[in-house]
Amino acid sequence: MGLPHASQRSSMPSVTAPPLPVLQVRSPEPQADQLRGALAADPPLEPTEAFLTELQQQSAELESATPQEILRYAVDRFAPRFTMATAFGPEGMTLIHMLAEIAPETPIFNLDTGYQFAETLELRERVKQRYGIEVQLKRPDTTVEEYEALHGGPVYKTDPNRCCFDRKLRVLHEAARGMHAWASAIRRDQSEDRSRAAIVGWDAKFQLVKISPLANWTKKEVWKLITDHNIPYNPLHDKGYPSVGCWPCTRATQLGEDERAGRWSGFEKKECGLHTA
C-alpha cells in the first residue's frame, strides 16, 4: 500500500486514542438568498407534488431494472443536467464503466478533501487512460494546511463530522448547484442508513434528484462485473480496505467486520453525511 506523504504521516492520529462522543452530522444551510441544486438551475426543477409523485412512480417501475437501464433513464430524463459523484470505490467504478458506454459525456466529479490516499488519486488517472473520462476534482476553499492552521490542528481527530461537513458536504453543495439530478453508487445492503434508499427520489439535503442505480445490487454482483470486464479498482481493496475514504479516518477491516467498519474507527459514525437525511 502506498504511504501518505511525510507531511500527512506526521499528523496521523494514534490508534490508541479514546473514542470521542458521537456528534450529529450537520446539515449545511446556504444563505437565505442562495438557491441549491436543481432550484438554482436554468431552468429550475422544483419538488412540486406532481413531480415528487412522478419520481415515486418511476422509482417503483425501476425496482426490477438493471443499473444500465436506470442510468439510461437518468440520462434521457435529466441530461445535460445529470452528474455523478464518485469516491472511486468499486461501486463507483462500475457506474463509470457503464456511463462510458451509455453517456461518456456525463460530468463526473470527486470530492477531493485533501486527505485522500495516493492510490485513490492514481485511480483517477487510470480512469482517464481507460475510458477517456477526466473526473473533475472539487475542492474546499482551503488547503489542508490552511484548514488545520485555522482550527488549531487536524479537525478529524476531535470532530470528524465537522471535517466531513467542511471538506465534503459544503463542496458537494457547490458542485451540485445548477444540476437537476446526480447519481450515487450506494447499495442498500451496505448499512442501515442506506437500506431505505430509493432508486429515484428527491434529495432534500442537496435539493436535486438522487438516483441510485446499484441500490439493489450486492457486493458480489459489483465484483463480478469488475472481474468480468477488468474494470480498474483501488489496490487498497486487495489489502483489507473494502471501503476507502480519507486516509486519517480509514483502516483495514478485520475478519467478520462489516465492510464499513474501517471508516471512522473509534467513533460511532459510519457516514460522512452525503447519504443521510
C-alpha atoms as a PDB file:
ATOM      1  CA  MET A   1       0.000   0.000   0.000  1.00  0.00           C
ATOM      2  CA  GLY A   2       1.225   3.472  -0.821  1.00  0.00           C
ATOM      3  CA  LEU A   3       2.014   5.531   2.217  1.00  0.00           C
ATOM      4  CA  PRO A   4       0.707   9.042   2.916  1.00  0.00           C
ATOM      5  CA  HIS A   5       3.079  11.893   2.239  1.00  0.00           C
ATOM      6  CA  ALA A   6       5.519  12.687   5.018  1.00  0.00           C
ATOM      7  CA  SER A   7       3.595  15.847   5.916  1.00  0.00           C
ATOM      8  CA  GLN A   8       0.499  13.715   6.360  1.00  0.00           C
ATOM      9  CA  ARG A   9       2.160  10.931   8.356  1.00  0.00           C
ATOM     10  CA  SER A  10       3.334  13.388  10.964  1.00  0.00           C
ATOM     11  CA  SER A  11      -0.241  14.245  11.816  1.00  0.00           C
ATOM     12  CA  MET A  12      -1.786  10.763  11.686  1.00  0.00           C
ATOM     13  CA  PRO A  13      -3.893  10.041  14.814  1.00  0.00           C
ATOM     14  CA  SER A  14      -2.834   7.459  17.374  1.00  0.00           C
ATOM     15  CA  VAL A  15      -4.759   4.206  17.105  1.00  0.00           C
ATOM     16  CA  THR A  16      -4.979   4.108  20.902  1.00  0.00           C
ATOM     17  CA  ALA A  17      -6.778   7.438  21.186  1.00  0.00           C
ATOM     18  CA  PRO A  18     -10.017   7.047  23.170  1.00  0.00           C
ATOM     19  CA  PRO A  19     -13.254   7.375  21.205  1.00  0.00           C
ATOM     20  CA  LEU A  20     -14.953  10.724  21.371  1.00  0.00           C
ATOM     21  CA  PRO A  21     -18.665  11.432  21.787  1.00  0.00           C
ATOM     22  CA  VAL A  22     -20.884  10.921  18.798  1.00  0.00           C
ATOM     23  CA  LEU A  23     -21.600  14.215  17.080  1.00  0.00           C
ATOM     24  CA  GLN A  24     -24.622  14.860  14.922  1.00  0.00           C
ATOM     25  CA  VAL A  25     -23.878  15.351  11.243  1.00  0.00           C
ATOM     26  CA  ARG A  26     -24.594  18.947  10.430  1.00  0.00           C
ATOM     27  CA  SER A  27     -26.850  19.776   7.518  1.00  0.00           C
ATOM     28  CA  PRO A  28     -25.190  22.663   5.724  1.00  0.00           C
ATOM     29  CA  GLU A  29     -27.537  25.560   5.187  1.00  0.00           C
ATOM     30  CA  PRO A  30     -26.997  28.056   2.370  1.00  0.00           C
ATOM     31  CA  GLN A  31     -27.528  31.749   2.735  1.00  0.00           C
ATOM     32  CA  ALA A  32     -31.175  32.759   2.811  1.00  0.00           C
ATOM     33  CA  ASP A  33     -30.989  34.145  -0.728  1.00  0.00           C
ATOM     34  CA  GLN A  34     -28.897  31.282  -2.085  1.00  0.00           C
ATOM     35  CA  LEU A  35     -30.649  28.539  -4.040  1.00  0.00           C
ATOM     36  CA  ARG A  36     -29.329  24.987  -4.003  1.00  0.00           C
ATOM     37  CA  GLY A  37     -29.089  22.165  -6.503  1.00  0.00           C
ATOM     38  CA  ALA A  38     -31.884  21.991  -9.052  1.00  0.00           C
ATOM     39  CA  LEU A  39     -33.536  25.101  -7.637  1.00  0.00           C
ATOM     40  CA  ALA A  40     -30.539  27.101  -8.885  1.00  0.00           C
ATOM     41  CA  ALA A  41     -30.647  25.536 -12.351  1.00  0.00           C
ATOM     42  CA  ASP A  42     -31.731  27.253 -15.547  1.00  0.00           C
ATOM     43  CA  PRO A  43     -34.473  26.226 -15.896  1.00  0.00           C
ATOM     44  CA  PRO A  44     -35.035  25.314 -12.236  1.00  0.00           C
ATOM     45  CA  LEU A  45     -36.524  21.975 -11.247  1.00  0.00           C
ATOM     46  CA  GLU A  46     -38.814  22.254  -8.250  1.00  0.00           C
ATOM     47  CA  PRO A  47     -40.159  19.482  -5.992  1.00  0.00           C
ATOM     48  CA  THR A  48     -43.822  20.063  -6.704  1.00  0.00           C
ATOM     49  CA  GLU A  49     -46.333  17.475  -5.566  1.00  0.00           C
ATOM     50  CA  ALA A  50     -46.800  16.302  -9.144  1.00  0.00           C
ATOM     51  CA  PHE A  51     -43.040  15.968  -9.713  1.00  0.00           C
ATOM     52  CA  LEU A  52     -42.485  14.059  -6.451  1.00  0.00           C
ATOM     53  CA  THR A  53     -45.292  11.688  -7.444  1.00  0.00           C
ATOM     54  CA  GLU A  54     -43.602  11.185 -10.813  1.00  0.00           C
ATOM     55  CA  LEU A  55     -40.307  10.309  -9.097  1.00  0.00           C
ATOM     56  CA  GLN A  56     -42.019   7.886  -6.735  1.00  0.00           C
ATOM     57  CA  GLN A  57     -43.767   6.114  -9.610  1.00  0.00           C
ATOM     58  CA  GLN A  58     -40.582   6.000 -11.671  1.00  0.00           C
ATOM     59  CA  SER A  59     -38.628   4.594  -8.757  1.00  0.00           C
ATOM     60  CA  ALA A  60     -41.169   1.801  -8.307  1.00  0.00           C
ATOM     61  CA  GLU A  61     -41.045   0.974 -12.014  1.00  0.00           C
ATOM     62  CA  LEU A  62     -37.242   0.805 -11.941  1.00  0.00           C
ATOM     63  CA  GLU A  63     -37.038  -1.541  -8.931  1.00  0.00           C
ATOM     64  CA  SER A  64     -36.514  -4.512 -11.241  1.00  0.00           C
ATOM     65  CA  ALA A  65     -34.415  -2.651 -13.817  1.00  0.00           C
ATOM     66  CA  THR A  66     -30.710  -3.177 -14.404  1.00  0.00           C
ATOM     67  CA  PRO A  67     -28.254  -0.439 -13.382  1.00  0.00           C
ATOM     68  CA  GLN A  68     -27.695   0.265 -17.077  1.00  0.00           C
ATOM     69  CA  GLU A  69     -31.420   0.773 -17.630  1.00  0.00           C
ATOM     70  CA  ILE A  70     -31.588   3.096 -14.634  1.00  0.00           C
ATOM     71  CA  LEU A  71     -28.668   5.135 -15.948  1.00  0.00           C
ATOM     72  CA  ARG A  72     -30.288   5.373 -19.386  1.00  0.00           C
ATOM     73  CA  TYR A  73     -33.439   6.686 -17.728  1.00  0.00           C
ATOM     74  CA  ALA A  74     -31.360   9.258 -15.819  1.00  0.00           C
ATOM     75  CA  VAL A  75     -29.564  10.436 -18.932  1.00  0.00           C
ATOM     76  CA  ASP A  76     -32.728  10.582 -21.051  1.00  0.00           C
ATOM     77  CA  ARG A  77     -34.690  12.414 -18.368  1.00  0.00           C
ATOM     78  CA  PHE A  78     -32.122  14.811 -16.899  1.00  0.00           C
ATOM     79  CA  ALA A  79     -29.085  15.283 -19.168  1.00  0.00           C
ATOM     80  CA  PRO A  80     -27.266  17.603 -19.665  1.00  0.00           C
ATOM     81  CA  ARG A  81     -28.030  18.491 -16.044  1.00  0.00           C
ATOM     82  CA  PHE A  82     -27.262  14.992 -14.800  1.00  0.00           C
ATOM     83  CA  THR A  83     -23.990  14.374 -12.968  1.00  0.00           C
ATOM     84  CA  MET A  84     -22.273  11.766 -10.834  1.00  0.00           C
ATOM     85  CA  ALA A  85     -20.181  11.980  -7.695  1.00  0.00           C
ATOM     86  CA  THR A  86     -17.596   9.275  -7.109  1.00  0.00           C
ATOM     87  CA  ALA A  87     -15.082   8.341  -4.437  1.00  0.00           C
ATOM     88  CA  PHE A  88     -13.633   5.731  -6.844  1.00  0.00           C
ATOM     89  CA  GLY A  89     -14.972   2.829  -4.793  1.00  0.00           C
ATOM     90  CA  PRO A  90     -15.780  -0.471  -6.533  1.00  0.00           C
ATOM     91  CA  GLU A  91     -19.416   0.566  -6.958  1.00  0.00           C
ATOM     92  CA  GLY A  92     -18.442   3.917  -8.404  1.00  0.00           C
ATOM     93  CA  MET A  93     -16.038   2.259 -10.800  1.00  0.00           C
ATOM     94  CA  THR A  94     -18.794   0.010 -12.137  1.00  0.00           C
ATOM     95  CA  LEU A  95     -21.012   3.056 -12.768  1.00  0.00           C
ATOM     96  CA  ILE A  96     -18.162   4.867 -14.532  1.00  0.00           C
ATOM     97  CA  HIS A  97     -17.701   1.770 -16.701  1.00  0.00           C
ATOM     98  CA  MET A  98     -21.418   1.787 -17.571  1.00  0.00           C
ATOM     99  CA  LEU A  99     -21.549   5.522 -18.244  1.00  0.00           C
ATOM    100  CA  ALA A 100     -18.528   5.219 -20.534  1.00  0.00           C
ATOM    101  CA  GLU A 101     -20.741   3.055 -22.755  1.00  0.00           C
ATOM    102  CA  ILE A 102     -24.084   4.815 -22.240  1.00  0.00           C
ATOM    103  CA  ALA A 103     -23.234   8.510 -21.898  1.00  0.00           C
ATOM    104  CA  PRO A 104     -19.492   9.226 -21.653  1.00  0.00           C
ATOM    105  CA  GLU A 105     -20.172  12.971 -21.754  1.00  0.00           C
ATOM    106  CA  THR A 106     -21.789  12.809 -18.302  1.00  0.00           C
ATOM    107  CA  PRO A 107     -19.838  15.097 -15.933  1.00  0.00           C
ATOM    108  CA  ILE A 108     -18.325  13.091 -13.085  1.00  0.00           C
ATOM    109  CA  PHE A 109     -16.641  14.641 -10.065  1.00  0.00           C
ATOM    110  CA  ASN A 110     -14.760  13.637  -6.953  1.00  0.00           C
ATOM    111  CA  LEU A 111     -14.789  15.485  -3.647  1.00  0.00           C
ATOM    112  CA  ASP A 112     -11.083  15.975  -3.051  1.00  0.00           C
ATOM    113  CA  THR A 113     -10.806  16.702   0.664  1.00  0.00           C
ATOM    114  CA  GLY A 114      -7.015  16.888   0.580  1.00  0.00           C
ATOM    115  CA  TYR A 115      -6.849  13.756   2.740  1.00  0.00           C
ATOM    116  CA  GLN A 116      -7.298  11.140   0.033  1.00  0.00           C
ATOM    117  CA  PHE A 117      -4.979   8.164  -0.347  1.00  0.00           C
ATOM    118  CA  ALA A 118      -2.433   8.393  -3.145  1.00  0.00           C
ATOM    119  CA  GLU A 119      -3.926   5.179  -4.553  1.00  0.00           C
ATOM    120  CA  THR A 120      -7.307   6.877  -4.908  1.00  0.00           C
ATOM    121  CA  LEU A 121      -5.914   9.795  -6.881  1.00  0.00           C
ATOM    122  CA  GLU A 122      -3.863   7.439  -9.042  1.00  0.00           C
ATOM    123  CA  LEU A 123      -7.082   5.589  -9.897  1.00  0.00           C
ATOM    124  CA  ARG A 124      -8.441   8.832 -11.341  1.00  0.00           C
ATOM    125  CA  GLU A 125      -5.600   8.740 -13.867  1.00  0.00           C
ATOM    126  CA  ARG A 126      -6.392   5.128 -14.726  1.00  0.00           C
ATOM    127  CA  VAL A 127      -9.999   6.112 -15.420  1.00  0.00           C
ATOM    128  CA  LYS A 128      -8.778   8.765 -17.837  1.00  0.00           C
ATOM    129  CA  GLN A 129      -6.492   6.300 -19.605  1.00  0.00           C
ATOM    130  CA  ARG A 130      -9.090   3.521 -19.820  1.00  0.00           C
ATOM    131  CA  TYR A 131     -12.236   5.488 -20.642  1.00  0.00           C
ATOM    132  CA  GLY A 132     -11.084   8.907 -21.768  1.00  0.00           C
ATOM    133  CA  ILE A 133     -13.126  10.400 -18.912  1.00  0.00           C
ATOM    134  CA  GLU A 134     -11.498  13.074 -16.784  1.00  0.00           C
ATOM    135  CA  VAL A 135     -13.119  13.068 -13.374  1.00  0.00           C
ATOM    136  CA  GLN A 136     -13.249  16.618 -12.048  1.00  0.00           C
ATOM    137  CA  LEU A 137     -11.725  17.278  -8.629  1.00  0.00           C
ATOM    138  CA  LYS A 138     -13.925  19.521  -6.491  1.00  0.00           C
ATOM    139  CA  ARG A 139     -12.007  21.001  -3.572  1.00  0.00           C
ATOM    140  CA  PRO A 140     -12.765  23.074  -0.458  1.00  0.00           C
ATOM    141  CA  ASP A 141     -11.831  26.741  -0.320  1.00  0.00           C
ATOM    142  CA  THR A 142      -8.891  25.983   1.978  1.00  0.00           C
ATOM    143  CA  THR A 143      -5.961  23.602   1.675  1.00  0.00           C
ATOM    144  CA  VAL A 144      -5.392  21.013   4.387  1.00  0.00           C
ATOM    145  CA  GLU A 145      -2.600  23.147   5.832  1.00  0.00           C
ATOM    146  CA  GLU A 146      -4.788  26.266   5.899  1.00  0.00           C
ATOM    147  CA  TYR A 147      -7.728  24.383   7.356  1.00  0.00           C
ATOM    148  CA  GLU A 148      -5.727  22.777  10.156  1.00  0.00           C
ATOM    149  CA  ALA A 149      -3.996  26.061  10.970  1.00  0.00           C
ATOM    150  CA  LEU A 150      -7.368  27.778  11.153  1.00  0.00           C
ATOM    151  CA  HIS A 151      -8.699  25.195  13.625  1.00  0.00           C
ATOM    152  CA  GLY A 152      -5.583  24.575  15.682  1.00  0.00           C
ATOM    153  CA  GLY A 153      -4.792  21.149  14.249  1.00  0.00           C
ATOM    154  CA  PRO A 154      -6.441  18.222  12.460  1.00  0.00           C
ATOM    155  CA  VAL A 155     -10.198  18.536  12.936  1.00  0.00           C
ATOM    156  CA  TYR A 156     -10.726  14.846  12.112  1.00  0.00           C
ATOM    157  CA  LYS A 157      -9.134  13.931  15.468  1.00  0.00           C
ATOM    158  CA  THR A 158     -11.668  15.770  17.571  1.00  0.00           C
ATOM    159  CA  ASP A 159     -14.697  16.432  15.375  1.00  0.00           C
ATOM    160  CA  PRO A 160     -14.804  14.210  12.272  1.00  0.00           C
ATOM    161  CA  ASN A 161     -18.351  15.299  11.469  1.00  0.00           C
ATOM    162  CA  ARG A 162     -17.183  18.905  11.261  1.00  0.00           C
ATOM    163  CA  CYS A 163     -14.341  17.840   8.977  1.00  0.00           C
ATOM    164  CA  CYS A 164     -16.725  15.938   6.680  1.00  0.00           C
ATOM    165  CA  PHE A 165     -19.120  18.867   6.731  1.00  0.00           C
ATOM    166  CA  ASP A 166     -16.481  21.428   5.798  1.00  0.00           C
ATOM    167  CA  ARG A 167     -14.481  19.424   3.295  1.00  0.00           C
ATOM    168  CA  LYS A 168     -17.163  17.268   1.648  1.00  0.00           C
ATOM    169  CA  LEU A 169     -20.743  18.391   2.191  1.00  0.00           C
ATOM    170  CA  ARG A 170     -20.116  22.069   1.519  1.00  0.00           C
ATOM    171  CA  VAL A 171     -18.173  21.137  -1.599  1.00  0.00           C
ATOM    172  CA  LEU A 172     -20.955  18.899  -2.887  1.00  0.00           C
ATOM    173  CA  HIS A 173     -23.461  21.708  -2.425  1.00  0.00           C
ATOM    174  CA  GLU A 174     -21.373  23.874  -4.724  1.00  0.00           C
ATOM    175  CA  ALA A 175     -20.703  21.061  -7.214  1.00  0.00           C
ATOM    176  CA  ALA A 176     -24.410  20.211  -7.440  1.00  0.00           C
ATOM    177  CA  ARG A 177     -25.610  23.784  -7.850  1.00  0.00           C
ATOM    178  CA  GLY A 178     -27.434  24.135 -11.150  1.00  0.00           C
ATOM    179  CA  MET A 179     -27.772  20.392 -11.790  1.00  0.00           C
ATOM    180  CA  HIS A 180     -31.110  18.577 -11.889  1.00  0.00           C
ATOM    181  CA  ALA A 181     -30.001  15.117 -10.791  1.00  0.00           C
ATOM    182  CA  TRP A 182     -26.999  13.188  -9.505  1.00  0.00           C
ATOM    183  CA  ALA A 183     -26.094   9.517  -9.373  1.00  0.00           C
ATOM    184  CA  SER A 184     -24.762   7.852  -6.268  1.00  0.00           C
ATOM    185  CA  ALA A 185     -23.169   4.400  -6.078  1.00  0.00           C
ATOM    186  CA  ILE A 186     -24.670   3.306  -2.764  1.00  0.00           C
ATOM    187  CA  ARG A 187     -26.094  -0.182  -2.165  1.00  0.00           C
ATOM    188  CA  ARG A 188     -28.945  -0.849   0.232  1.00  0.00           C
ATOM    189  CA  ASP A 189     -27.142  -3.745   1.880  1.00  0.00           C
ATOM    190  CA  GLN A 190     -24.157  -1.597   2.908  1.00  0.00           C
ATOM    191  CA  SER A 191     -25.692  -0.087   6.036  1.00  0.00           C
ATOM    192  CA  GLU A 192     -28.940   0.636   7.841  1.00  0.00           C
ATOM    193  CA  ASP A 193     -28.896   4.249   6.640  1.00  0.00           C
ATOM    194  CA  ARG A 194     -28.617   3.120   3.031  1.00  0.00           C
ATOM    195  CA  SER A 195     -31.193   0.323   3.301  1.00  0.00           C
ATOM    196  CA  ARG A 196     -34.010   2.809   2.703  1.00  0.00           C
ATOM    197  CA  ALA A 197     -32.506   4.371  -0.434  1.00  0.00           C
ATOM    198  CA  ALA A 198     -34.912   4.822  -3.327  1.00  0.00           C
ATOM    199  CA  ILE A 199     -33.865   4.068  -6.878  1.00  0.00           C
ATOM    200  CA  VAL A 200     -35.068   7.561  -7.773  1.00  0.00           C
ATOM    201  CA  GLY A 201     -36.076  10.211  -5.277  1.00  0.00           C
ATOM    202  CA  TRP A 202     -35.830  13.821  -4.254  1.00  0.00           C
ATOM    203  CA  ASP A 203     -32.704  14.599  -2.223  1.00  0.00           C
ATOM    204  CA  ALA A 204     -33.951  17.298   0.156  1.00  0.00           C
ATOM    205  CA  LYS A 205     -30.499  17.967   1.573  1.00  0.00           C
ATOM    206  CA  PHE A 206     -28.963  18.887  -1.774  1.00  0.00           C
ATOM    207  CA  GLN A 207     -32.216  19.883  -3.484  1.00  0.00           C
ATOM    208  CA  LEU A 208     -31.996  17.725  -6.581  1.00  0.00           C
ATOM    209  CA  VAL A 209     -32.984  14.273  -7.799  1.00  0.00           C
ATOM    210  CA  LYS A 210     -30.863  11.431  -6.444  1.00  0.00           C
ATOM    211  CA  ILE A 211     -30.536   8.268  -8.497  1.00  0.00           C
ATOM    212  CA  SER A 212     -29.047   5.057  -7.068  1.00  0.00           C
ATOM    213  CA  PRO A 213     -28.615   2.532  -9.922  1.00  0.00           C
ATOM    214  CA  LEU A 214     -26.881  -0.035  -7.675  1.00  0.00           C
ATOM    215  CA  ALA A 215     -29.336   0.126  -4.780  1.00  0.00           C
ATOM    216  CA  ASN A 216     -30.466  -3.460  -5.337  1.00  0.00           C
ATOM    217  CA  TRP A 217     -27.069  -4.895  -6.158  1.00  0.00           C
ATOM    218  CA  THR A 218     -24.848  -6.885  -3.820  1.00  0.00           C
ATOM    219  CA  LYS A 219     -21.121  -6.687  -3.238  1.00  0.00           C
ATOM    220  CA  LYS A 220     -20.771  -9.980  -5.103  1.00  0.00           C
ATOM    221  CA  GLU A 221     -22.514  -8.579  -8.187  1.00  0.00           C
ATOM    222  CA  VAL A 222     -20.301  -5.490  -8.152  1.00  0.00           C
ATOM    223  CA  TRP A 223     -17.110  -7.503  -8.019  1.00  0.00           C
ATOM    224  CA  LYS A 224     -18.307  -9.950 -10.667  1.00  0.00           C
ATOM    225  CA  LEU A 225     -18.734  -7.071 -13.099  1.00  0.00           C
ATOM    226  CA  ILE A 226     -15.309  -5.717 -12.171  1.00  0.00           C
ATOM    227  CA  THR A 227     -13.725  -9.130 -12.758  1.00  0.00           C
ATOM    228  CA  ASP A 228     -15.646  -9.930 -15.949  1.00  0.00           C
ATOM    229  CA  HIS A 229     -14.745  -6.599 -17.588  1.00  0.00           C
ATOM    230  CA  ASN A 230     -11.348  -5.988 -15.993  1.00  0.00           C
ATOM    231  CA  ILE A 231     -12.580  -2.695 -14.553  1.00  0.00           C
ATOM    232  CA  PRO A 232      -9.789  -0.812 -12.744  1.00  0.00           C
ATOM    233  CA  TYR A 233     -10.172  -0.526  -8.987  1.00  0.00           C
ATOM    234  CA  ASN A 234      -8.352   0.802  -5.960  1.00  0.00           C
ATOM    235  CA  PRO A 235      -5.500  -1.595  -4.982  1.00  0.00           C
ATOM    236  CA  LEU A 236      -6.276  -0.890  -1.320  1.00  0.00           C
ATOM    237  CA  HIS A 237      -9.259  -3.235  -1.686  1.00  0.00           C
ATOM    238  CA  ASP A 238      -6.784  -6.105  -2.027  1.00  0.00           C
ATOM    239  CA  LYS A 239      -5.133  -5.060   1.238  1.00  0.00           C
ATOM    240  CA  GLY A 240      -8.106  -5.244   3.570  1.00  0.00           C
ATOM    241  CA  TYR A 241      -9.828  -1.954   2.796  1.00  0.00           C
ATOM    242  CA  PRO A 242     -13.342  -2.764   1.490  1.00  0.00           C
ATOM    243  CA  SER A 243     -14.370   0.895   1.865  1.00  0.00           C
ATOM    244  CA  VAL A 244     -11.864   3.670   1.209  1.00  0.00           C
ATOM    245  CA  GLY A 245     -12.305   7.266   2.302  1.00  0.00           C
ATOM    246  CA  CYS A 246      -9.824   9.786   3.685  1.00  0.00           C
ATOM    247  CA  TRP A 247      -6.619   8.229   4.980  1.00  0.00           C
ATOM    248  CA  PRO A 248      -6.877   9.554   8.573  1.00  0.00           C
ATOM    249  CA  CYS A 249     -10.337   8.029   9.009  1.00  0.00           C
ATOM    250  CA  THR A 250      -9.943   4.723   7.144  1.00  0.00           C
ATOM    251  CA  ARG A 251      -8.396   1.480   8.336  1.00  0.00           C
ATOM    252  CA  ALA A 252      -8.318  -2.102   7.108  1.00  0.00           C
ATOM    253  CA  THR A 253     -11.124  -4.269   8.456  1.00  0.00           C
ATOM    254  CA  GLN A 254     -10.788  -7.468  10.434  1.00  0.00           C
ATOM    255  CA  LEU A 255     -12.349 -10.842   9.688  1.00  0.00           C
ATOM    256  CA  GLY A 256     -16.052 -10.749  10.472  1.00  0.00           C
ATOM    257  CA  GLU A 257     -16.411  -6.967  10.432  1.00  0.00           C
ATOM    258  CA  ASP A 258     -18.848  -5.314   8.045  1.00  0.00           C
ATOM    259  CA  GLU A 259     -17.442  -3.527   5.028  1.00  0.00           C
ATOM    260  CA  ARG A 260     -17.786  -0.045   6.534  1.00  0.00           C
ATOM    261  CA  ALA A 261     -16.283  -0.929   9.928  1.00  0.00           C
ATOM    262  CA  GLY A 262     -12.975   0.609   8.878  1.00  0.00           C
ATOM    263  CA  ARG A 263     -14.444   4.062   8.434  1.00  0.00           C
ATOM    264  CA  TRP A 264     -14.110   6.498  11.360  1.00  0.00           C
ATOM    265  CA  SER A 265     -12.933   3.719  13.649  1.00  0.00           C
ATOM    266  CA  GLY A 266     -13.279   4.731  17.289  1.00  0.00           C
ATOM    267  CA  PHE A 267     -16.368   6.827  16.597  1.00  0.00           C
ATOM    268  CA  GLU A 268     -19.969   5.729  16.314  1.00  0.00           C
ATOM    269  CA  LYS A 269     -20.003   7.107  12.804  1.00  0.00           C
ATOM    270  CA  LYS A 270     -20.419   5.238   9.526  1.00  0.00           C
ATOM    271  CA  GLU A 271     -21.435   8.015   7.138  1.00  0.00           C
ATOM    272  CA  CYS A 272     -19.900  11.311   6.072  1.00  0.00           C
ATOM    273  CA  GLY A 273     -23.365  12.824   5.698  1.00  0.00           C
ATOM    274  CA  LEU A 274     -23.772  12.709   1.927  1.00  0.00           C
ATOM    275  CA  HIS A 275     -26.262   9.855   2.107  1.00  0.00           C
ATOM    276  CA  THR A 276     -28.153  10.677   5.290  1.00  0.00           C
ATOM    277  CA  ALA A 277     -31.216  12.857   5.642  1.00  0.00           C
END
